Amino acid sequence: MSASRRPTSPHRQRPPTGCAPLPPTPAGKAGLKYREQQHLAIRRGKYVAVNTFNGEKKLTGHYVDILDPKLAVVRDPVVPAQKRALYCDVTLCSKTIAAASSYTLQV
C-alpha cells in the first residue's frame, strides 16, 4: 500500500456480489420500522436540550429558554433547523409566577 493512499473504512466499502443479506436489525426483529428523525431531544428532569438537523422541532407546553438573557416564558417553542436550544419545562409549575419585584403575573 502506498503512503499516499489511506485504507478505506469497512462502512464505505461495497459488499462483494453474492454475499448473504444483512441480518435484521433489533427494530426489525421487534416488528418496528426504522426511521431517522431530523432532531435530537434529550430530557433530564425538567430540563430539555434540543439539537435540530435538517428539520425543525416543536415542543408542547410552557418553557423558559435558559440561553435567553430575558429568561422569558415561551409557549410551544419551535427550534429551527440547524439550531440548538436548552429549556426548563415549567408546564407543571403553579399557574402563578412571582417575579423578584413581588409583582404577580398570571400565565
Protein backbone atom coordinates (compact mmCIF):
# COMPACT_ATOMS: atom_id res chain seq x y z
CA MET A 1 0.00 0.00 0.00
CA SER A 2 1.43 3.37 -0.94
CA ALA A 3 1.81 6.11 1.65
CA SER A 4 -0.49 8.44 -0.26
CA ARG A 5 -3.46 6.06 -0.21
CA ARG A 6 -5.34 5.61 3.06
CA PRO A 7 -7.28 2.45 3.79
CA THR A 8 -11.00 2.89 3.46
CA SER A 9 -13.44 2.32 6.26
CA PRO A 10 -15.31 -1.00 6.14
CA HIS A 11 -18.54 1.03 6.15
CA ARG A 12 -17.58 2.71 2.89
CA GLN A 13 -16.70 -0.47 1.04
CA ARG A 14 -19.29 -2.09 -1.17
CA PRO A 15 -20.09 -5.68 -0.32
CA PRO A 16 -18.96 -8.22 -2.89
CA THR A 17 -21.66 -9.61 -5.13
CA GLY A 18 -23.21 -12.86 -3.99
CA CYS A 19 -22.94 -12.05 -0.26
CA ALA A 20 -25.60 -13.08 2.20
CA PRO A 21 -28.08 -10.32 3.18
CA LEU A 22 -27.51 -8.45 6.42
CA PRO A 23 -29.29 -9.82 9.49
CA PRO A 24 -32.40 -7.91 10.62
CA THR A 25 -31.91 -5.01 12.98
CA PRO A 26 -33.29 -5.14 16.54
CA ALA A 27 -36.08 -2.82 15.43
CA GLY A 28 -36.89 -5.16 12.55
CA LYS A 29 -36.98 -8.16 14.89
CA ALA A 30 -39.47 -6.30 17.08
CA GLY A 31 -41.68 -5.56 14.08
CA LEU A 32 -40.81 -1.84 14.06
CA LYS A 33 -39.80 0.24 11.07
CA TYR A 34 -36.51 2.10 11.39
CA ARG A 35 -36.80 5.82 10.78
CA GLU A 36 -34.35 8.65 11.31
CA GLN A 37 -35.57 11.89 12.83
CA GLN A 38 -34.45 15.40 11.99
CA HIS A 39 -33.78 16.30 15.62
CA LEU A 40 -32.27 15.02 18.84
CA ALA A 41 -34.11 15.93 22.04
CA ILE A 42 -32.93 14.88 25.48
CA ARG A 43 -34.88 15.39 28.71
CA ARG A 44 -33.25 15.29 32.14
CA GLY A 45 -35.75 16.08 34.86
CA LYS A 46 -37.33 19.41 33.98
CA TYR A 47 -34.57 20.35 31.50
CA VAL A 48 -34.80 19.73 27.75
CA ALA A 49 -31.90 20.02 25.29
CA VAL A 50 -32.72 20.07 21.57
CA ASN A 51 -30.43 19.86 18.54
CA THR A 52 -32.03 20.03 15.10
CA PHE A 53 -30.51 18.82 11.85
CA ASN A 54 -32.49 19.41 8.64
CA GLY A 55 -35.94 19.91 10.16
CA GLU A 56 -37.46 21.89 12.99
CA LYS A 57 -38.65 20.59 16.37
CA LYS A 58 -41.77 21.90 18.10
CA LEU A 59 -42.12 21.45 21.85
CA THR A 60 -45.52 21.48 23.51
CA GLY A 61 -46.04 23.33 26.77
CA HIS A 62 -44.51 26.27 28.66
CA TYR A 63 -40.72 26.56 28.74
CA VAL A 64 -38.07 29.02 29.89
CA ASP A 65 -35.26 29.43 27.36
CA ILE A 66 -32.23 29.18 29.64
CA LEU A 67 -29.90 30.66 26.99
CA ASP A 68 -32.07 33.78 26.57
CA PRO A 69 -30.90 36.67 28.83
CA LYS A 70 -34.55 37.71 29.41
CA LEU A 71 -35.49 34.23 30.74
CA ALA A 72 -38.97 34.72 29.30
CA VAL A 73 -41.63 32.01 29.48
CA VAL A 74 -42.31 30.69 25.96
CA ARG A 75 -45.37 28.68 24.97
CA ASP A 76 -44.87 25.86 22.44
CA PRO A 77 -41.38 26.91 21.29
CA VAL A 78 -40.07 25.86 17.86
CA VAL A 79 -36.36 25.18 17.38
CA PRO A 80 -35.48 25.93 13.72
CA ALA A 81 -33.27 23.72 11.55
CA GLN A 82 -29.54 23.65 12.32
CA LYS A 83 -30.03 25.23 15.78
CA ARG A 84 -29.66 24.20 19.43
CA ALA A 85 -31.75 25.14 22.46
CA LEU A 86 -31.82 24.50 26.19
CA TYR A 87 -35.13 24.84 28.02
CA CYS A 88 -36.53 24.44 31.50
CA ASP A 89 -40.02 22.89 31.42
CA VAL A 90 -42.38 24.95 33.59
CA THR A 91 -45.60 23.38 32.27
CA LEU A 92 -46.30 21.59 35.53
CA CYS A 93 -45.45 24.58 37.72
CA SER A 94 -48.07 26.63 39.50
CA LYS A 95 -50.16 28.98 37.35
CA THR A 96 -48.86 31.96 39.33
CA ILE A 97 -45.28 33.07 38.81
CA ALA A 98 -43.89 35.68 41.18
CA ALA A 99 -41.07 37.91 39.98
CA ALA A 100 -38.34 39.41 42.15
CA SER A 101 -40.21 42.74 42.35
CA SER A 102 -43.05 40.98 44.21
CA TYR A 103 -45.28 41.57 41.19
CA THR A 104 -47.52 38.56 40.43
CA LEU A 105 -48.16 37.58 36.82
CA GLN A 106 -50.95 35.19 35.80
CA VAL A 107 -49.92 32.87 32.94
